[in-house]
Amino acid sequence: SSAPLRKSRVVGKHCETGDIIIRDVQLPSDIAPGDLLVVPATGAYGRSMASNYNHMTRPPVICVLNGKARSIIRRETHRDLLALEIEEEPRQIGKGEQR
């Protein structure tokens, strides 16, 4: 983009005050929702540290080689998250414990 640069903050989607991916970065002023931004290291947003905090699904893993991108791990779905849910009523298994 040839738009002037603007000091920006790139944040995550978890609505937490500490969910900051890049605190201060110069980005084109015409950046808009839906635009792609490549961030090479994202901590807990990376696959090895990812969780389903706030019931968020994990993104796909994309491999870029020689200018060609392909998905190597598919995007997680809400169906994937719910697949481990148990639908039966809790039952007593010991002194005040439930399972």
PDB file of N, CA and C in Angstrom:
ATOM      1  N   SER A   1       0.838  -1.180   0.000  1.00  0.00           N
ATOM      2  CA  SER A   1       0.000   0.000   0.000  1.00  0.00           C
ATOM      3  C   SER A   1       0.888   1.249   0.000  1.00  0.00           C
ATOM      4  N   SER A   2       0.438   2.264  -0.668  1.00  0.00           N
ATOM      5  CA  SER A   2       1.177   3.531  -0.688  1.00  0.00           C
ATOM      6  C   SER A   2       0.589   4.540   0.305  1.00  0.00           C
ATOM      7  N   ALA A   3      -0.376   4.091   1.111  1.00  0.00           N
ATOM      8  CA  ALA A   3      -0.997   4.978   2.106  1.00  0.00           C
ATOM      9  C   ALA A   3       0.031   5.367   3.163  1.00  0.00           C
ATOM     10  N   PRO A   4      -0.135   6.537   3.765  1.00  0.00           N
ATOM     11  CA  PRO A   4       0.785   6.947   4.830  1.00  0.00           C
ATOM     12  C   PRO A   4       0.737   5.951   5.994  1.00  0.00           C
ATOM     13  N   LEU A   5       1.848   5.830   6.698  1.00  0.00           N
ATOM     14  CA  LEU A   5       1.906   4.921   7.835  1.00  0.00           C
ATOM     15  C   LEU A   5       1.286   5.558   9.067  1.00  0.00           C
ATOM     16  N   ARG A   6       0.748   4.680   9.933  1.00  0.00           N
ATOM     17  CA  ARG A   6       0.116   5.140  11.170  1.00  0.00           C
ATOM     18  C   ARG A   6       0.579   4.219  12.300  1.00  0.00           C
ATOM     19  N   LYS A   7       0.944   4.800  13.434  1.00  0.00           N
ATOM     20  CA  LYS A   7       1.331   3.994  14.589  1.00  0.00           C
ATOM     21  C   LYS A   7       0.122   3.177  15.026  1.00  0.00           C
ATOM     22  N   SER A   8       0.308   1.871  15.140  1.00  0.00           N
ATOM     23  CA  SER A   8      -0.812   0.969  15.414  1.00  0.00           C
ATOM     24  C   SER A   8      -0.444  -0.031  16.496  1.00  0.00           C
ATOM     25  N   ARG A   9      -1.455  -0.696  16.992  1.00  0.00           N
ATOM     26  CA  ARG A   9      -1.283  -1.793  17.944  1.00  0.00           C
ATOM     27  C   ARG A   9      -2.078  -2.971  17.390  1.00  0.00           C
ATOM     28  N   VAL A  10      -1.423  -4.103  17.287  1.00  0.00           N
ATOM     29  CA  VAL A  10      -2.086  -5.317  16.806  1.00  0.00           C
ATOM     30  C   VAL A  10      -2.446  -6.142  18.034  1.00  0.00           C
ATOM     31  N   VAL A  11      -3.739  -6.421  18.190  1.00  0.00           N
ATOM     32  CA  VAL A  11      -4.218  -7.137  19.372  1.00  0.00           C
ATOM     33  C   VAL A  11      -4.917  -8.423  18.961  1.00  0.00           C
ATOM     34  N   GLY A  12      -5.053  -9.305  19.930  1.00  0.00           N
ATOM     35  CA  GLY A  12      -5.731 -10.572  19.692  1.00  0.00           C
ATOM     36  C   GLY A  12      -7.230 -10.445  19.836  1.00  0.00           C
ATOM     37  N   LYS A  13      -7.886 -11.572  19.785  1.00  0.00           N
ATOM     38  CA  LYS A  13      -9.354 -11.579  19.790  1.00  0.00           C
ATOM     39  C   LYS A  13      -9.967 -11.997  21.126  1.00  0.00           C
ATOM     40  N   HIS A  14      -9.150 -12.066  22.190  1.00  0.00           N
ATOM     41  CA  HIS A  14      -9.644 -12.613  23.449  1.00  0.00           C
ATOM     42  C   HIS A  14     -10.197 -11.594  24.433  1.00  0.00           C
ATOM     43  N   CYS A  15     -10.261 -10.337  24.081  1.00  0.00           N
ATOM     44  CA  CYS A  15     -10.825  -9.298  24.963  1.00  0.00           C
ATOM     45  C   CYS A  15     -10.124  -9.268  26.314  1.00  0.00           C
ATOM     46  N   GLU A  16      -8.825  -9.413  26.308  1.00  0.00           N
ATOM     47  CA  GLU A  16      -8.003  -9.349  27.514  1.00  0.00           C
ATOM     48  C   GLU A  16      -7.029  -8.192  27.354  1.00  0.00           C
ATOM     49  N   THR A  17      -6.760  -7.463  28.415  1.00  0.00           N
ATOM     50  CA  THR A  17      -5.857  -6.318  28.316  1.00  0.00           C
ATOM     51  C   THR A  17      -4.445  -6.720  27.920  1.00  0.00           C
ATOM     52  N   GLY A  18      -4.027  -7.927  28.243  1.00  0.00           N
ATOM     53  CA  GLY A  18      -2.686  -8.375  27.895  1.00  0.00           C
ATOM     54  C   GLY A  18      -2.584  -9.045  26.546  1.00  0.00           C
ATOM     55  N   ASP A  19      -3.681  -9.115  25.815  1.00  0.00           N
ATOM     56  CA  ASP A  19      -3.688  -9.820  24.528  1.00  0.00           C
ATOM     57  C   ASP A  19      -3.179  -8.893  23.419  1.00  0.00           C
ATOM     58  N   ILE A  20      -1.912  -8.534  23.530  1.00  0.00           N
ATOM     59  CA  ILE A  20      -1.286  -7.637  22.557  1.00  0.00           C
ATOM     60  C   ILE A  20      -0.249  -8.431  21.780  1.00  0.00           C
ATOM     61  N   ILE A  21      -0.385  -8.466  20.476  1.00  0.00           N
ATOM     62  CA  ILE A  21       0.547  -9.208  19.630  1.00  0.00           C
ATOM     63  C   ILE A  21       1.737  -8.330  19.269  1.00  0.00           C
ATOM     64  N   ILE A  22       1.483  -7.095  18.848  1.00  0.00           N
ATOM     65  CA  ILE A  22       2.540  -6.119  18.567  1.00  0.00           C
ATOM     66  C   ILE A  22       2.092  -4.789  19.168  1.00  0.00           C
ATOM     67  N   ARG A  23       2.859  -4.284  20.126  1.00  0.00           N
ATOM     68  CA  ARG A  23       2.450  -3.066  20.843  1.00  0.00           C
ATOM     69  C   ARG A  23       2.495  -1.827  19.953  1.00  0.00           C
ATOM     70  N   ASP A  24       3.603  -1.558  19.308  1.00  0.00           N
ATOM     71  CA  ASP A  24       3.741  -0.363  18.471  1.00  0.00           C
ATOM     72  C   ASP A  24       4.350  -0.759  17.135  1.00  0.00           C
ATOM     73  N   VAL A  25       3.599  -0.569  16.073  1.00  0.00           N
ATOM     74  CA  VAL A  25       4.075  -0.908  14.733  1.00  0.00           C
ATOM     75  C   VAL A  25       3.513   0.117  13.751  1.00  0.00           C
ATOM     76  N   GLN A  26       4.270   0.431  12.741  1.00  0.00           N
ATOM     77  CA  GLN A  26       3.800   1.345  11.697  1.00  0.00           C
ATOM     78  C   GLN A  26       3.099   0.522  10.616  1.00  0.00           C
ATOM     79  N   LEU A  27       1.819   0.774  10.422  1.00  0.00           N
ATOM     80  CA  LEU A  27       1.027   0.072   9.408  1.00  0.00           C
ATOM     81  C   LEU A  27       0.403   1.090   8.464  1.00  0.00           C
ATOM     82  N   PRO A  28       0.106   0.672   7.228  1.00  0.00           N
ATOM     83  CA  PRO A  28      -0.564   1.588   6.301  1.00  0.00           C
ATOM     84  C   PRO A  28      -1.893   2.056   6.894  1.00  0.00           C
ATOM     85  N   SER A  29      -2.205   3.317   6.736  1.00  0.00           N
ATOM     86  CA  SER A  29      -3.425   3.878   7.321  1.00  0.00           C
ATOM     87  C   SER A  29      -4.695   3.363   6.650  1.00  0.00           C
ATOM     88  N   ASP A  30      -4.567   2.711   5.502  1.00  0.00           N
ATOM     89  CA  ASP A  30      -5.764   2.192   4.832  1.00  0.00           C
ATOM     90  C   ASP A  30      -6.011   0.711   5.131  1.00  0.00           C
ATOM     91  N   ILE A  31      -5.296   0.148   6.115  1.00  0.00           N
ATOM     92  CA  ILE A  31      -5.542  -1.245   6.484  1.00  0.00           C
ATOM     93  C   ILE A  31      -6.983  -1.361   6.984  1.00  0.00           C
ATOM     94  N   ALA A  32      -7.637  -2.472   6.660  1.00  0.00           N
ATOM     95  CA  ALA A  32      -9.062  -2.621   6.978  1.00  0.00           C
ATOM     96  C   ALA A  32      -9.354  -4.050   7.440  1.00  0.00           C
ATOM     97  N   PRO A  33     -10.478  -4.239   8.150  1.00  0.00           N
ATOM     98  CA  PRO A  33     -10.869  -5.594   8.541  1.00  0.00           C
ATOM     99  C   PRO A  33     -10.908  -6.506   7.313  1.00  0.00           C
ATOM    100  N   GLY A  34     -10.371  -7.701   7.490  1.00  0.00           N
ATOM    101  CA  GLY A  34     -10.316  -8.658   6.389  1.00  0.00           C
ATOM    102  C   GLY A  34      -8.969  -8.688   5.686  1.00  0.00           C
ATOM    103  N   ASP A  35      -8.172  -7.620   5.846  1.00  0.00           N
ATOM    104  CA  ASP A  35      -6.823  -7.617   5.274  1.00  0.00           C
ATOM    105  C   ASP A  35      -5.966  -8.633   6.025  1.00  0.00           C
ATOM    106  N   LEU A  36      -4.997  -9.206   5.340  1.00  0.00           N
ATOM    107  CA  LEU A  36      -4.105 -10.175   5.968  1.00  0.00           C
ATOM    108  C   LEU A  36      -2.857  -9.484   6.487  1.00  0.00           C
ATOM    109  N   LEU A  37      -2.427  -9.898   7.660  1.00  0.00           N
ATOM    110  CA  LEU A  37      -1.216  -9.379   8.276  1.00  0.00           C
ATOM    111  C   LEU A  37      -0.396 -10.583   8.720  1.00  0.00           C
ATOM    112  N   VAL A  38       0.806 -10.711   8.214  1.00  0.00           N
ATOM    113  CA  VAL A  38       1.660 -11.839   8.578  1.00  0.00           C
ATOM    114  C   VAL A  38       2.463 -11.473   9.817  1.00  0.00           C
ATOM    115  N   VAL A  39       2.369 -12.311  10.833  1.00  0.00           N
ATOM    116  CA  VAL A  39       3.131 -12.138  12.066  1.00  0.00           C
ATOM    117  C   VAL A  39       3.881 -13.449  12.285  1.00  0.00           C
ATOM    118  N   PRO A  40       5.210 -13.438  12.166  1.00  0.00           N
ATOM    119  CA  PRO A  40       5.961 -14.695  12.200  1.00  0.00           C
ATOM    120  C   PRO A  40       5.994 -15.405  13.550  1.00  0.00           C
ATOM    121  N   ALA A  41       5.838 -14.717  14.650  1.00  0.00           N
ATOM    122  CA  ALA A  41       5.880 -15.353  15.969  1.00  0.00           C
ATOM    123  C   ALA A  41       4.773 -14.771  16.829  1.00  0.00           C
ATOM    124  N   THR A  42       3.841 -15.621  17.254  1.00  0.00           N
ATOM    125  CA  THR A  42       2.677 -15.109  17.971  1.00  0.00           C
ATOM    126  C   THR A  42       2.434 -15.784  19.311  1.00  0.00           C
ATOM    127  N   GLY A  43       3.415 -16.438  19.881  1.00  0.00           N
ATOM    128  CA  GLY A  43       3.249 -17.030  21.210  1.00  0.00           C
ATOM    129  C   GLY A  43       2.089 -17.997  21.280  1.00  0.00           C
ATOM    130  N   ALA A  44       1.109 -17.709  22.151  1.00  0.00           N
ATOM    131  CA  ALA A  44      -0.012 -18.622  22.357  1.00  0.00           C
ATOM    132  C   ALA A  44      -0.926 -18.730  21.145  1.00  0.00           C
ATOM    133  N   TYR A  45      -0.753 -17.850  20.158  1.00  0.00           N
ATOM    134  CA  TYR A  45      -1.536 -17.994  18.936  1.00  0.00           C
ATOM    135  C   TYR A  45      -0.886 -18.992  17.990  1.00  0.00           C
ATOM    136  N   GLY A  46       0.342 -19.409  18.285  1.00  0.00           N
ATOM    137  CA  GLY A  46       1.005 -20.433  17.479  1.00  0.00           C
ATOM    138  C   GLY A  46       0.438 -21.797  17.827  1.00  0.00           C
ATOM    139  N   ARG A  47       0.541 -22.738  16.948  1.00  0.00           N
ATOM    140  CA  ARG A  47      -0.071 -24.052  17.132  1.00  0.00           C
ATOM    141  C   ARG A  47       0.404 -24.763  18.403  1.00  0.00           C
ATOM    142  N   SER A  48       1.687 -24.712  18.690  1.00  0.00           N
ATOM    143  CA  SER A  48       2.206 -25.479  19.833  1.00  0.00           C
ATOM    144  C   SER A  48       1.732 -24.939  21.182  1.00  0.00           C
ATOM    145  N   MET A  49       1.368 -23.676  21.267  1.00  0.00           N
ATOM    146  CA  MET A  49       0.918 -23.078  22.527  1.00  0.00           C
ATOM    147  C   MET A  49      -0.579 -22.761  22.530  1.00  0.00           C
ATOM    148  N   ALA A  50      -1.263 -23.077  21.472  1.00  0.00           N
ATOM    149  CA  ALA A  50      -2.673 -22.701  21.330  1.00  0.00           C
ATOM    150  C   ALA A  50      -3.561 -23.445  22.321  1.00  0.00           C
ATOM    151  N   SER A  51      -4.632 -22.799  22.716  1.00  0.00           N
ATOM    152  CA  SER A  51      -5.643 -23.431  23.559  1.00  0.00           C
ATOM    153  C   SER A  51      -7.011 -23.006  23.031  1.00  0.00           C
ATOM    154  N   ASN A  52      -8.036 -23.503  23.673  1.00  0.00           N
ATOM    155  CA  ASN A  52      -9.392 -23.124  23.279  1.00  0.00           C
ATOM    156  C   ASN A  52      -9.985 -22.140  24.280  1.00  0.00           C
ATOM    157  N   TYR A  53      -9.133 -21.264  24.817  1.00  0.00           N
ATOM    158  CA  TYR A  53      -9.558 -20.232  25.756  1.00  0.00           C
ATOM    159  C   TYR A  53     -10.745 -19.464  25.178  1.00  0.00           C
ATOM    160  N   ASN A  54     -11.724 -19.182  26.008  1.00  0.00           N
ATOM    161  CA  ASN A  54     -12.957 -18.498  25.579  1.00  0.00           C
ATOM    162  C   ASN A  54     -13.687 -19.257  24.479  1.00  0.00           C
ATOM    163  N   HIS A  55     -13.440 -20.542  24.391  1.00  0.00           N
ATOM    164  CA  HIS A  55     -14.073 -21.405  23.380  1.00  0.00           C
ATOM    165  C   HIS A  55     -13.764 -20.930  21.956  1.00  0.00           C
ATOM    166  N   MET A  56     -12.553 -20.416  21.772  1.00  0.00           N
ATOM    167  CA  MET A  56     -12.122 -19.995  20.438  1.00  0.00           C
ATOM    168  C   MET A  56     -11.545 -21.188  19.691  1.00  0.00           C
ATOM    169  N   THR A  57     -11.849 -21.258  18.429  1.00  0.00           N
ATOM    170  CA  THR A  57     -11.279 -22.319  17.601  1.00  0.00           C
ATOM    171  C   THR A  57      -9.882 -21.929  17.143  1.00  0.00           C
ATOM    172  N   ARG A  58      -9.072 -22.938  16.852  1.00  0.00           N
ATOM    173  CA  ARG A  58      -7.705 -22.673  16.398  1.00  0.00           C
ATOM    174  C   ARG A  58      -7.699 -22.490  14.884  1.00  0.00           C
ATOM    175  N   PRO A  59      -6.828 -21.613  14.408  1.00  0.00           N
ATOM    176  CA  PRO A  59      -6.757 -21.338  12.968  1.00  0.00           C
ATOM    177  C   PRO A  59      -6.038 -22.465  12.230  1.00  0.00           C
ATOM    178  N   PRO A  60      -6.103 -22.443  10.911  1.00  0.00           N
ATOM    179  CA  PRO A  60      -5.343 -23.433  10.147  1.00  0.00           C
ATOM    180  C   PRO A  60      -3.851 -23.111  10.215  1.00  0.00           C
ATOM    181  N   VAL A  61      -3.045 -24.080   9.847  1.00  0.00           N
ATOM    182  CA  VAL A  61      -1.608 -23.846   9.706  1.00  0.00           C
ATOM    183  C   VAL A  61      -1.325 -23.800   8.215  1.00  0.00           C
ATOM    184  N   ILE A  62      -0.728 -22.713   7.784  1.00  0.00           N
ATOM    185  CA  ILE A  62      -0.440 -22.499   6.369  1.00  0.00           C
ATOM    186  C   ILE A  62       1.065 -22.584   6.151  1.00  0.00           C
ATOM    187  N   CYS A  63       1.464 -23.352   5.164  1.00  0.00           N
ATOM    188  CA  CYS A  63       2.871 -23.460   4.791  1.00  0.00           C
ATOM    189  C   CYS A  63       3.078 -22.667   3.501  1.00  0.00           C
ATOM    190  N   VAL A  64       4.074 -21.802   3.504  1.00  0.00           N
ATOM    191  CA  VAL A  64       4.402 -21.035   2.303  1.00  0.00           C
ATOM    192  C   VAL A  64       5.789 -21.475   1.855  1.00  0.00           C
ATOM    193  N   LEU A  65       5.874 -21.975   0.631  1.00  0.00           N
ATOM    194  CA  LEU A  65       7.140 -22.442   0.079  1.00  0.00           C
ATOM    195  C   LEU A  65       7.243 -21.984  -1.364  1.00  0.00           C
ATOM    196  N   ASN A  66       8.316 -21.315  -1.682  1.00  0.00           N
ATOM    197  CA  ASN A  66       8.530 -20.807  -3.043  1.00  0.00           C
ATOM    198  C   ASN A  66       7.360 -19.956  -3.535  1.00  0.00           C
ATOM    199  N   GLY A  67       6.804 -19.151  -2.640  1.00  0.00           N
ATOM    200  CA  GLY A  67       5.728 -18.245  -3.017  1.00  0.00           C
ATOM    201  C   GLY A  67       4.357 -18.887  -3.125  1.00  0.00           C
ATOM    202  N   LYS A  68       4.240 -20.172  -2.815  1.00  0.00           N
ATOM    203  CA  LYS A  68       2.944 -20.858  -2.883  1.00  0.00           C
ATOM    204  C   LYS A  68       2.508 -21.259  -1.482  1.00  0.00           C
ATOM    205  N   ALA A  69       1.260 -20.942  -1.152  1.00  0.00           N
ATOM    206  CA  ALA A  69       0.715 -21.252   0.170  1.00  0.00           C
ATOM    207  C   ALA A  69      -0.225 -22.440   0.084  1.00  0.00           C
ATOM    208  N   ARG A  70      -0.145 -23.291   1.113  1.00  0.00           N
ATOM    209  CA  ARG A  70      -1.116 -24.384   1.206  1.00  0.00           C
ATOM    210  C   ARG A  70      -1.378 -24.686   2.672  1.00  0.00           C
ATOM    211  N   SER A  71      -2.580 -25.132   2.949  1.00  0.00           N
ATOM    212  CA  SER A  71      -2.970 -25.472   4.309  1.00  0.00           C
ATOM    213  C   SER A  71      -2.409 -26.850   4.643  1.00  0.00           C
ATOM    214  N   ILE A  72      -1.730 -26.962   5.799  1.00  0.00           N
ATOM    215  CA  ILE A  72      -1.211 -28.269   6.204  1.00  0.00           C
ATOM    216  C   ILE A  72      -1.942 -28.810   7.438  1.00  0.00           C
ATOM    217  N   ILE A  73      -2.663 -27.952   8.153  1.00  0.00           N
ATOM    218  CA  ILE A  73      -3.570 -28.372   9.222  1.00  0.00           C
ATOM    219  C   ILE A  73      -4.831 -27.533   9.064  1.00  0.00           C
ATOM    220  N   ARG A  74      -5.980 -28.204   9.003  1.00  0.00           N
ATOM    221  CA  ARG A  74      -7.225 -27.475   8.744  1.00  0.00           C
ATOM    222  C   ARG A  74      -7.646 -26.635   9.938  1.00  0.00           C
ATOM    223  N   ARG A  75      -8.475 -25.647   9.659  1.00  0.00           N
ATOM    224  CA  ARG A  75      -9.046 -24.773  10.696  1.00  0.00           C
ATOM    225  C   ARG A  75      -9.938 -25.616  11.606  1.00  0.00           C
ATOM    226  N   GLU A  76      -9.854 -25.383  12.900  1.00  0.00           N
ATOM    227  CA  GLU A  76     -10.706 -26.076  13.850  1.00  0.00           C
ATOM    228  C   GLU A  76     -12.119 -25.494  13.768  1.00  0.00           C
ATOM    229  N   THR A  77     -13.116 -26.325  13.939  1.00  0.00           N
ATOM    230  CA  THR A  77     -14.509 -25.875  13.874  1.00  0.00           C
ATOM    231  C   THR A  77     -15.147 -25.943  15.267  1.00  0.00           C
ATOM    232  N   HIS A  78     -16.295 -25.306  15.408  1.00  0.00           N
ATOM    233  CA  HIS A  78     -17.027 -25.409  16.671  1.00  0.00           C
ATOM    234  C   HIS A  78     -17.484 -26.844  16.895  1.00  0.00           C
ATOM    235  N   ARG A  79     -17.744 -27.562  15.841  1.00  0.00           N
ATOM    236  CA  ARG A  79     -18.099 -28.987  15.965  1.00  0.00           C
ATOM    237  C   ARG A  79     -16.936 -29.752  16.604  1.00  0.00           C
ATOM    238  N   ASP A  80     -15.703 -29.408  16.205  1.00  0.00           N
ATOM    239  CA  ASP A  80     -14.528 -30.031  16.823  1.00  0.00           C
ATOM    240  C   ASP A  80     -14.507 -29.763  18.328  1.00  0.00           C
ATOM    241  N   LEU A  81     -14.788 -28.530  18.734  1.00  0.00           N
ATOM    242  CA  LEU A  81     -14.785 -28.182  20.158  1.00  0.00           C
ATOM    243  C   LEU A  81     -15.832 -28.970  20.932  1.00  0.00           C
ATOM    244  N   LEU A  82     -16.997 -29.110  20.352  1.00  0.00           N
ATOM    245  CA  LEU A  82     -18.099 -29.775  21.045  1.00  0.00           C
ATOM    246  C   LEU A  82     -18.004 -31.291  21.002  1.00  0.00           C
ATOM    247  N   ALA A  83     -17.123 -31.839  20.174  1.00  0.00           N
ATOM    248  CA  ALA A  83     -17.004 -33.291  20.020  1.00  0.00           C
ATOM    249  C   ALA A  83     -16.624 -33.983  21.328  1.00  0.00           C
ATOM    250  N   LEU A  84     -15.957 -33.296  22.231  1.00  0.00           N
ATOM    251  CA  LEU A  84     -15.531 -33.900  23.494  1.00  0.00           C
ATOM    252  C   LEU A  84     -16.533 -33.699  24.628  1.00  0.00           C
ATOM    253  N   GLU A  85     -17.597 -32.971  24.384  1.00  0.00           N
ATOM    254  CA  GLU A  85     -18.605 -32.717  25.415  1.00  0.00           C
ATOM    255  C   GLU A  85     -19.343 -34.006  25.766  1.00  0.00           C
ATOM    256  N   ILE A  86     -19.665 -34.157  27.044  1.00  0.00           N
ATOM    257  CA  ILE A  86     -20.443 -35.297  27.519  1.00  0.00           C
ATOM    258  C   ILE A  86     -21.849 -34.797  27.778  1.00  0.00           C
ATOM    259  N   GLU A  87     -22.830 -35.493  27.240  1.00  0.00           N
ATOM    260  CA  GLU A  87     -24.207 -35.019  27.337  1.00  0.00           C
ATOM    261  C   GLU A  87     -25.004 -35.688  28.448  1.00  0.00           C
ATOM    262  N   GLU A  88     -24.402 -36.593  29.191  1.00  0.00           N
ATOM    263  CA  GLU A  88     -25.148 -37.273  30.248  1.00  0.00           C
ATOM    264  C   GLU A  88     -25.187 -36.422  31.512  1.00  0.00           C
ATOM    265  N   GLU A  89     -26.097 -36.753  32.412  1.00  0.00           N
ATOM    266  CA  GLU A  89     -26.214 -36.056  33.687  1.00  0.00           C
ATOM    267  C   GLU A  89     -25.020 -36.406  34.566  1.00  0.00           C
ATOM    268  N   PRO A  90     -24.523 -35.447  35.369  1.00  0.00           N
ATOM    269  CA  PRO A  90     -23.433 -35.769  36.300  1.00  0.00           C
ATOM    270  C   PRO A  90     -23.890 -36.834  37.290  1.00  0.00           C
ATOM    271  N   ARG A  91     -22.984 -37.702  37.718  1.00  0.00           N
ATOM    272  CA  ARG A  91     -23.351 -38.726  38.698  1.00  0.00           C
ATOM    273  C   ARG A  91     -22.340 -38.703  39.838  1.00  0.00           C
ATOM    274  N   GLN A  92     -22.765 -39.131  41.005  1.00  0.00           N
ATOM    275  CA  GLN A  92     -21.887 -39.168  42.170  1.00  0.00           C
ATOM    276  C   GLN A  92     -20.850 -40.268  41.981  1.00  0.00           C
ATOM    277  N   ILE A  93     -19.575 -39.957  42.235  1.00  0.00           N
ATOM    278  CA  ILE A  93     -18.541 -40.983  42.127  1.00  0.00           C
ATOM    279  C   ILE A  93     -17.760 -41.128  43.434  1.00  0.00           C
ATOM    280  N   GLY A  94     -18.067 -40.325  44.414  1.00  0.00           N
ATOM    281  CA  GLY A  94     -17.386 -40.397  45.705  1.00  0.00           C
ATOM    282  C   GLY A  94     -17.952 -39.335  46.608  1.00  0.00           C
ATOM    283  N   LYS A  95     -17.266 -39.040  47.688  1.00  0.00           N
ATOM    284  CA  LYS A  95     -17.738 -38.030  48.639  1.00  0.00           C
ATOM    285  C   LYS A  95     -17.842 -36.670  47.979  1.00  0.00           C
ATOM    286  N   GLY A  96     -19.018 -36.293  47.572  1.00  0.00           N
ATOM    287  CA  GLY A  96     -19.251 -34.976  47.008  1.00  0.00           C
ATOM    288  C   GLY A  96     -18.624 -34.728  45.643  1.00  0.00           C
ATOM    289  N   GLU A  97     -17.942 -35.722  45.085  1.00  0.00           N
ATOM    290  CA  GLU A  97     -17.321 -35.538  43.764  1.00  0.00           C
ATOM    291  C   GLU A  97     -18.335 -35.848  42.675  1.00  0.00           C
ATOM    292  N   GLN A  98     -18.204 -35.168  41.592  1.00  0.00           N
ATOM    293  CA  GLN A  98     -19.042 -35.457  40.433  1.00  0.00           C
ATOM    294  C   GLN A  98     -18.159 -35.672  39.230  1.00  0.00           C
ATOM    295  N   ARG A  99     -18.667 -36.425  38.311  1.00  0.00           N
ATOM    296  CA  ARG A  99     -17.954 -36.625  37.057  1.00  0.00           C
ATOM    297  C   ARG A  99     -18.890 -36.387  35.908  1.00  0.00           C
TER     298      ARG A  99
END
